[in-house]
Amino acid sequence: MKIYPSLRLLWAALVVSAVTGLGSLFPENGVSLAASILNLAAYGVVLYILHRLSEESARFGRAFSCQLISLVLSILALACTFMGTSDMMVHFMVLLMVTGSLFSLISQYHMYWALDERVIPCGYAYPARRIRWCFYTPLIGAVAASFIQTLFYQNPAALVVQLVCQLAPLVLLWQYLRAVKNREDDPLHM
């Protein structure tokens, strides 16, 4: 099965998700809520793509299952924002968000490892294990930004580090996408 069309749509959804992630920088509730809804829609597209790719490998299937749980928990957390602001509801919403984020992280792990497992057997002109940095880089960026924020209160360098580490996976996935397209367009050329 040719996976380039699915990966192109995946990349576009991740771009939308990265852009809407900037909505959390604005303190206004309307902007933040709209960004959250667009982000959920982008991850709904990712869920659809993982469903289509789940026939390709068991890892894609696990990524789909975890992404489905993450999306459901995120929708429930968003619904909790409309149900009131009692302490119990806020704690429940935070619990849903954290659990959803963990399942999203597990989904990304399986997705990027599934993409990496295709590099050598499919003959992509892409270094093995490089796509895994799409998983590592945002984690490293979050830890580094937290460390910078802890040492230097409200330092803009923390935001820059986090933004660079959020954009790096888009660049790596774009390079992977080009390698897949080249291979699928010319399957006889090694």
C-alpha atoms as a PDB file:
ATOM      1  CA  MET A   1       0.000   0.000   0.000  1.00  0.00           C
ATOM      2  CA  LYS A   2       1.223   3.480  -0.815  1.00  0.00           C
ATOM      3  CA  ILE A   3       1.371   5.491   2.371  1.00  0.00           C
ATOM      4  CA  TYR A   4       2.504   8.861   0.964  1.00  0.00           C
ATOM      5  CA  PRO A   5      -1.023  10.365   0.713  1.00  0.00           C
ATOM      6  CA  SER A   6      -1.714   9.384   4.320  1.00  0.00           C
ATOM      7  CA  LEU A   7       1.609  10.781   5.510  1.00  0.00           C
ATOM      8  CA  ARG A   8       1.029  14.053   3.667  1.00  0.00           C
ATOM      9  CA  LEU A   9      -2.294  14.441   5.463  1.00  0.00           C
ATOM     10  CA  LEU A  10      -0.620  13.463   8.757  1.00  0.00           C
ATOM     11  CA  TRP A  11       2.008  16.154   8.257  1.00  0.00           C
ATOM     12  CA  ALA A  12      -0.673  18.771   7.535  1.00  0.00           C
ATOM     13  CA  ALA A  13      -2.594  17.765  10.677  1.00  0.00           C
ATOM     14  CA  LEU A  14       0.563  18.033  12.769  1.00  0.00           C
ATOM     15  CA  VAL A  15       1.260  21.494  11.320  1.00  0.00           C
ATOM     16  CA  VAL A  16      -2.257  22.599  12.311  1.00  0.00           C
ATOM     17  CA  SER A  17      -1.702  21.128  15.767  1.00  0.00           C
ATOM     18  CA  ALA A  18       1.615  22.966  16.157  1.00  0.00           C
ATOM     19  CA  VAL A  19       0.089  26.274  15.067  1.00  0.00           C
ATOM     20  CA  THR A  20      -2.904  25.881  17.368  1.00  0.00           C
ATOM     21  CA  GLY A  21      -0.505  25.035  20.184  1.00  0.00           C
ATOM     22  CA  LEU A  22       0.568  28.655  19.957  1.00  0.00           C
ATOM     23  CA  GLY A  23      -2.987  29.565  20.990  1.00  0.00           C
ATOM     24  CA  SER A  24      -2.110  28.547  24.530  1.00  0.00           C
ATOM     25  CA  LEU A  25       0.221  31.557  24.652  1.00  0.00           C
ATOM     26  CA  PHE A  26      -2.747  33.911  24.592  1.00  0.00           C
ATOM     27  CA  PRO A  27      -4.429  34.433  27.959  1.00  0.00           C
ATOM     28  CA  GLU A  28      -7.866  35.058  26.429  1.00  0.00           C
ATOM     29  CA  ASN A  29     -10.272  32.176  26.992  1.00  0.00           C
ATOM     30  CA  GLY A  30     -11.868  32.490  23.540  1.00  0.00           C
ATOM     31  CA  VAL A  31      -8.573  32.111  21.694  1.00  0.00           C
ATOM     32  CA  SER A  32      -7.498  29.255  23.932  1.00  0.00           C
ATOM     33  CA  LEU A  33     -10.831  27.447  23.492  1.00  0.00           C
ATOM     34  CA  ALA A  34     -10.766  27.867  19.690  1.00  0.00           C
ATOM     35  CA  ALA A  35      -7.168  26.586  19.609  1.00  0.00           C
ATOM     36  CA  SER A  36      -8.182  23.571  21.704  1.00  0.00           C
ATOM     37  CA  ILE A  37     -11.061  22.736  19.372  1.00  0.00           C
ATOM     38  CA  LEU A  38      -8.850  23.056  16.264  1.00  0.00           C
ATOM     39  CA  ASN A  39      -6.206  20.923  17.960  1.00  0.00           C
ATOM     40  CA  LEU A  40      -8.803  18.225  18.696  1.00  0.00           C
ATOM     41  CA  ALA A  41      -9.894  18.324  15.047  1.00  0.00           C
ATOM     42  CA  ALA A  42      -6.263  17.923  13.930  1.00  0.00           C
ATOM     43  CA  TYR A  43      -5.836  14.925  16.220  1.00  0.00           C
ATOM     44  CA  GLY A  44      -9.081  13.523  14.856  1.00  0.00           C
ATOM     45  CA  VAL A  45      -7.418  13.591  11.422  1.00  0.00           C
ATOM     46  CA  VAL A  46      -4.355  11.864  12.912  1.00  0.00           C
ATOM     47  CA  LEU A  47      -6.697   9.221  14.343  1.00  0.00           C
ATOM     48  CA  TYR A  48      -8.238   8.661  10.900  1.00  0.00           C
ATOM     49  CA  ILE A  49      -4.778   8.316   9.325  1.00  0.00           C
ATOM     50  CA  LEU A  50      -3.631   5.862  11.974  1.00  0.00           C
ATOM     51  CA  HIS A  51      -6.789   3.838  11.362  1.00  0.00           C
ATOM     52  CA  ARG A  52      -5.916   3.668   7.657  1.00  0.00           C
ATOM     53  CA  LEU A  53      -2.318   2.712   8.419  1.00  0.00           C
ATOM     54  CA  SER A  54      -3.221   0.169  11.116  1.00  0.00           C
ATOM     55  CA  GLU A  55      -3.368  -2.538   8.436  1.00  0.00           C
ATOM     56  CA  GLU A  56       0.317  -1.942   7.672  1.00  0.00           C
ATOM     57  CA  SER A  57       1.718  -3.024  11.043  1.00  0.00           C
ATOM     58  CA  ALA A  58       0.787  -3.885  14.611  1.00  0.00           C
ATOM     59  CA  ARG A  59       2.572  -0.733  15.825  1.00  0.00           C
ATOM     60  CA  PHE A  60       0.277   1.456  13.741  1.00  0.00           C
ATOM     61  CA  GLY A  61      -2.634  -0.466  15.279  1.00  0.00           C
ATOM     62  CA  ARG A  62      -1.371   0.264  18.793  1.00  0.00           C
ATOM     63  CA  ALA A  63      -0.821   3.895  17.851  1.00  0.00           C
ATOM     64  CA  PHE A  64      -4.424   4.059  16.628  1.00  0.00           C
ATOM     65  CA  SER A  65      -5.796   2.555  19.862  1.00  0.00           C
ATOM     66  CA  CYS A  66      -3.827   4.935  22.072  1.00  0.00           C
ATOM     67  CA  GLN A  67      -4.737   7.933  19.897  1.00  0.00           C
ATOM     68  CA  LEU A  68      -8.425   6.999  20.148  1.00  0.00           C
ATOM     69  CA  ILE A  69      -8.248   6.869  23.957  1.00  0.00           C
ATOM     70  CA  SER A  70      -6.329  10.156  24.015  1.00  0.00           C
ATOM     71  CA  LEU A  71      -8.865  11.893  21.803  1.00  0.00           C
ATOM     72  CA  VAL A  72     -11.825  10.658  23.869  1.00  0.00           C
ATOM     73  CA  LEU A  73     -10.169  11.809  27.104  1.00  0.00           C
ATOM     74  CA  SER A  74      -9.334  15.194  25.586  1.00  0.00           C
ATOM     75  CA  ILE A  75     -12.919  15.688  24.440  1.00  0.00           C
ATOM     76  CA  LEU A  76     -14.154  14.786  27.921  1.00  0.00           C
ATOM     77  CA  ALA A  77     -11.697  17.271  29.455  1.00  0.00           C
ATOM     78  CA  LEU A  78     -12.920  19.978  27.097  1.00  0.00           C
ATOM     79  CA  ALA A  79     -16.528  19.149  28.005  1.00  0.00           C
ATOM     80  CA  CYS A  80     -15.620  19.541  31.687  1.00  0.00           C
ATOM     81  CA  THR A  81     -14.753  23.194  31.041  1.00  0.00           C
ATOM     82  CA  PHE A  82     -18.432  23.833  30.309  1.00  0.00           C
ATOM     83  CA  MET A  83     -19.735  21.983  33.374  1.00  0.00           C
ATOM     84  CA  GLY A  84     -18.587  24.397  36.035  1.00  0.00           C
ATOM     85  CA  THR A  85     -15.563  25.475  37.987  1.00  0.00           C
ATOM     86  CA  SER A  86     -15.876  23.528  41.211  1.00  0.00           C
ATOM     87  CA  ASP A  87     -12.614  22.232  42.642  1.00  0.00           C
ATOM     88  CA  MET A  88     -13.612  18.644  42.025  1.00  0.00           C
ATOM     89  CA  MET A  89     -14.454  19.352  38.359  1.00  0.00           C
ATOM     90  CA  VAL A  90     -11.164  21.170  37.814  1.00  0.00           C
ATOM     91  CA  HIS A  91      -9.188  18.300  39.346  1.00  0.00           C
ATOM     92  CA  PHE A  92     -11.108  15.781  37.238  1.00  0.00           C
ATOM     93  CA  MET A  93     -10.456  17.846  34.098  1.00  0.00           C
ATOM     94  CA  VAL A  94      -6.722  18.016  34.862  1.00  0.00           C
ATOM     95  CA  LEU A  95      -6.659  14.259  35.465  1.00  0.00           C
ATOM     96  CA  LEU A  96      -8.358  13.666  32.107  1.00  0.00           C
ATOM     97  CA  MET A  97      -5.924  16.003  30.345  1.00  0.00           C
ATOM     98  CA  VAL A  98      -2.839  14.378  31.867  1.00  0.00           C
ATOM     99  CA  THR A  99      -4.084  10.871  31.107  1.00  0.00           C
ATOM    100  CA  GLY A 100      -4.984  11.901  27.557  1.00  0.00           C
ATOM    101  CA  SER A 101      -1.527  13.406  27.110  1.00  0.00           C
ATOM    102  CA  LEU A 102       0.118  10.187  28.275  1.00  0.00           C
ATOM    103  CA  PHE A 103      -1.899   8.128  25.793  1.00  0.00           C
ATOM    104  CA  SER A 104      -1.026  10.639  23.068  1.00  0.00           C
ATOM    105  CA  LEU A 105       2.646  10.240  23.932  1.00  0.00           C
ATOM    106  CA  ILE A 106       2.377   6.444  23.745  1.00  0.00           C
ATOM    107  CA  SER A 107       0.570   6.793  20.409  1.00  0.00           C
ATOM    108  CA  GLN A 108       3.350   8.987  19.031  1.00  0.00           C
ATOM    109  CA  TYR A 109       5.944   6.494  20.219  1.00  0.00           C
ATOM    110  CA  HIS A 110       4.277   3.644  18.350  1.00  0.00           C
ATOM    111  CA  MET A 111       3.638   5.774  15.255  1.00  0.00           C
ATOM    112  CA  TYR A 112       7.227   6.974  14.873  1.00  0.00           C
ATOM    113  CA  TRP A 113       8.647   3.516  15.595  1.00  0.00           C
ATOM    114  CA  ALA A 114       6.283   2.043  12.979  1.00  0.00           C
ATOM    115  CA  LEU A 115       7.509   4.613  10.472  1.00  0.00           C
ATOM    116  CA  ASP A 116      11.110   3.783  11.387  1.00  0.00           C
ATOM    117  CA  GLU A 117      10.491   0.056  10.902  1.00  0.00           C
ATOM    118  CA  ARG A 118       9.553   0.757   7.271  1.00  0.00           C
ATOM    119  CA  VAL A 119      12.771   2.578   6.327  1.00  0.00           C
ATOM    120  CA  ILE A 120      15.016  -0.411   5.534  1.00  0.00           C
ATOM    121  CA  PRO A 121      12.451  -2.964   4.236  1.00  0.00           C
ATOM    122  CA  CYS A 122      10.844  -0.391   1.927  1.00  0.00           C
ATOM    123  CA  GLY A 123      14.190   1.025   0.793  1.00  0.00           C
ATOM    124  CA  TYR A 124      13.547   4.661   1.668  1.00  0.00           C
ATOM    125  CA  ALA A 125      16.477   7.020   1.149  1.00  0.00           C
ATOM    126  CA  TYR A 126      16.221   8.114   4.774  1.00  0.00           C
ATOM    127  CA  PRO A 127      18.557   7.253   7.666  1.00  0.00           C
ATOM    128  CA  ALA A 128      17.256   4.538   9.967  1.00  0.00           C
ATOM    129  CA  ARG A 129      16.199   5.745  13.416  1.00  0.00           C
ATOM    130  CA  ARG A 130      16.205   9.442  12.457  1.00  0.00           C
ATOM    131  CA  ILE A 131      12.392   9.610  12.425  1.00  0.00           C
ATOM    132  CA  ARG A 132      12.442   8.601  16.098  1.00  0.00           C
ATOM    133  CA  TRP A 133      13.734  12.094  16.888  1.00  0.00           C
ATOM    134  CA  CYS A 134      10.211  13.311  16.127  1.00  0.00           C
ATOM    135  CA  PHE A 135       9.362  11.644  19.433  1.00  0.00           C
ATOM    136  CA  TYR A 136      12.469  12.644  21.400  1.00  0.00           C
ATOM    137  CA  THR A 137      12.831  16.301  20.411  1.00  0.00           C
ATOM    138  CA  PRO A 138       9.579  17.696  21.906  1.00  0.00           C
ATOM    139  CA  LEU A 139      10.301  15.840  25.155  1.00  0.00           C
ATOM    140  CA  ILE A 140      13.821  17.257  25.323  1.00  0.00           C
ATOM    141  CA  GLY A 141      12.446  20.710  24.532  1.00  0.00           C
ATOM    142  CA  ALA A 142       9.834  20.530  27.281  1.00  0.00           C
ATOM    143  CA  VAL A 143      12.421  19.458  29.868  1.00  0.00           C
ATOM    144  CA  ALA A 144      14.929  22.107  28.732  1.00  0.00           C
ATOM    145  CA  ALA A 145      12.266  24.847  28.731  1.00  0.00           C
ATOM    146  CA  SER A 146      11.144  23.830  32.220  1.00  0.00           C
ATOM    147  CA  PHE A 147      14.746  23.878  33.416  1.00  0.00           C
ATOM    148  CA  ILE A 148      15.312  27.348  31.925  1.00  0.00           C
ATOM    149  CA  GLN A 149      12.065  28.616  33.480  1.00  0.00           C
ATOM    150  CA  THR A 150      13.112  27.239  36.864  1.00  0.00           C
ATOM    151  CA  LEU A 151      16.536  28.895  36.759  1.00  0.00           C
ATOM    152  CA  PHE A 152      15.546  32.160  35.100  1.00  0.00           C
ATOM    153  CA  TYR A 153      11.978  33.170  35.881  1.00  0.00           C
ATOM    154  CA  GLN A 154      10.020  34.173  32.740  1.00  0.00           C
ATOM    155  CA  ASN A 155      12.956  33.922  30.386  1.00  0.00           C
ATOM    156  CA  PRO A 156      11.947  34.132  26.694  1.00  0.00           C
ATOM    157  CA  ALA A 157      14.703  31.637  25.880  1.00  0.00           C
ATOM    158  CA  ALA A 158      12.504  28.889  27.331  1.00  0.00           C
ATOM    159  CA  LEU A 159       9.790  29.686  24.799  1.00  0.00           C
ATOM    160  CA  VAL A 160      12.299  29.749  21.942  1.00  0.00           C
ATOM    161  CA  VAL A 161      13.752  26.376  22.970  1.00  0.00           C
ATOM    162  CA  GLN A 162      10.301  24.843  23.197  1.00  0.00           C
ATOM    163  CA  LEU A 163       9.205  26.267  19.817  1.00  0.00           C
ATOM    164  CA  VAL A 164      12.334  25.002  18.055  1.00  0.00           C
ATOM    165  CA  CYS A 165      11.876  21.567  19.583  1.00  0.00           C
ATOM    166  CA  GLN A 166       8.216  21.542  18.509  1.00  0.00           C
ATOM    167  CA  LEU A 167       9.106  22.480  14.914  1.00  0.00           C
ATOM    168  CA  ALA A 168      11.943  19.947  14.545  1.00  0.00           C
ATOM    169  CA  PRO A 169       9.562  16.957  14.181  1.00  0.00           C
ATOM    170  CA  LEU A 170       7.748  18.738  11.357  1.00  0.00           C
ATOM    171  CA  VAL A 171      11.030  19.132   9.477  1.00  0.00           C
ATOM    172  CA  LEU A 172      12.064  15.517  10.110  1.00  0.00           C
ATOM    173  CA  LEU A 173       8.658  14.199   9.087  1.00  0.00           C
ATOM    174  CA  TRP A 174       8.763  16.348   5.935  1.00  0.00           C
ATOM    175  CA  GLN A 175      12.124  14.784   5.008  1.00  0.00           C
ATOM    176  CA  TYR A 176      10.704  11.314   5.656  1.00  0.00           C
ATOM    177  CA  LEU A 177       7.692  12.223   3.543  1.00  0.00           C
ATOM    178  CA  ARG A 178       9.935  13.207   0.624  1.00  0.00           C
ATOM    179  CA  ALA A 179      11.839   9.896   0.880  1.00  0.00           C
ATOM    180  CA  VAL A 180       8.573   7.920   0.859  1.00  0.00           C
ATOM    181  CA  LYS A 181       7.256   9.897  -2.123  1.00  0.00           C
ATOM    182  CA  ASN A 182      10.471   9.370  -4.100  1.00  0.00           C
ATOM    183  CA  ARG A 183      10.375   5.623  -3.410  1.00  0.00           C
ATOM    184  CA  GLU A 184       6.690   5.226  -4.222  1.00  0.00           C
ATOM    185  CA  ASP A 185       7.021   7.310  -7.409  1.00  0.00           C
ATOM    186  CA  ASP A 186       9.981   5.265  -8.624  1.00  0.00           C
ATOM    187  CA  PRO A 187       9.780   1.786  -6.999  1.00  0.00           C
ATOM    188  CA  LEU A 188      12.437   0.206  -9.255  1.00  0.00           C
ATOM    189  CA  HIS A 189      15.169   2.702  -8.486  1.00  0.00           C
ATOM    190  CA  MET A 190      17.340   1.683  -5.510  1.00  0.00           C
END
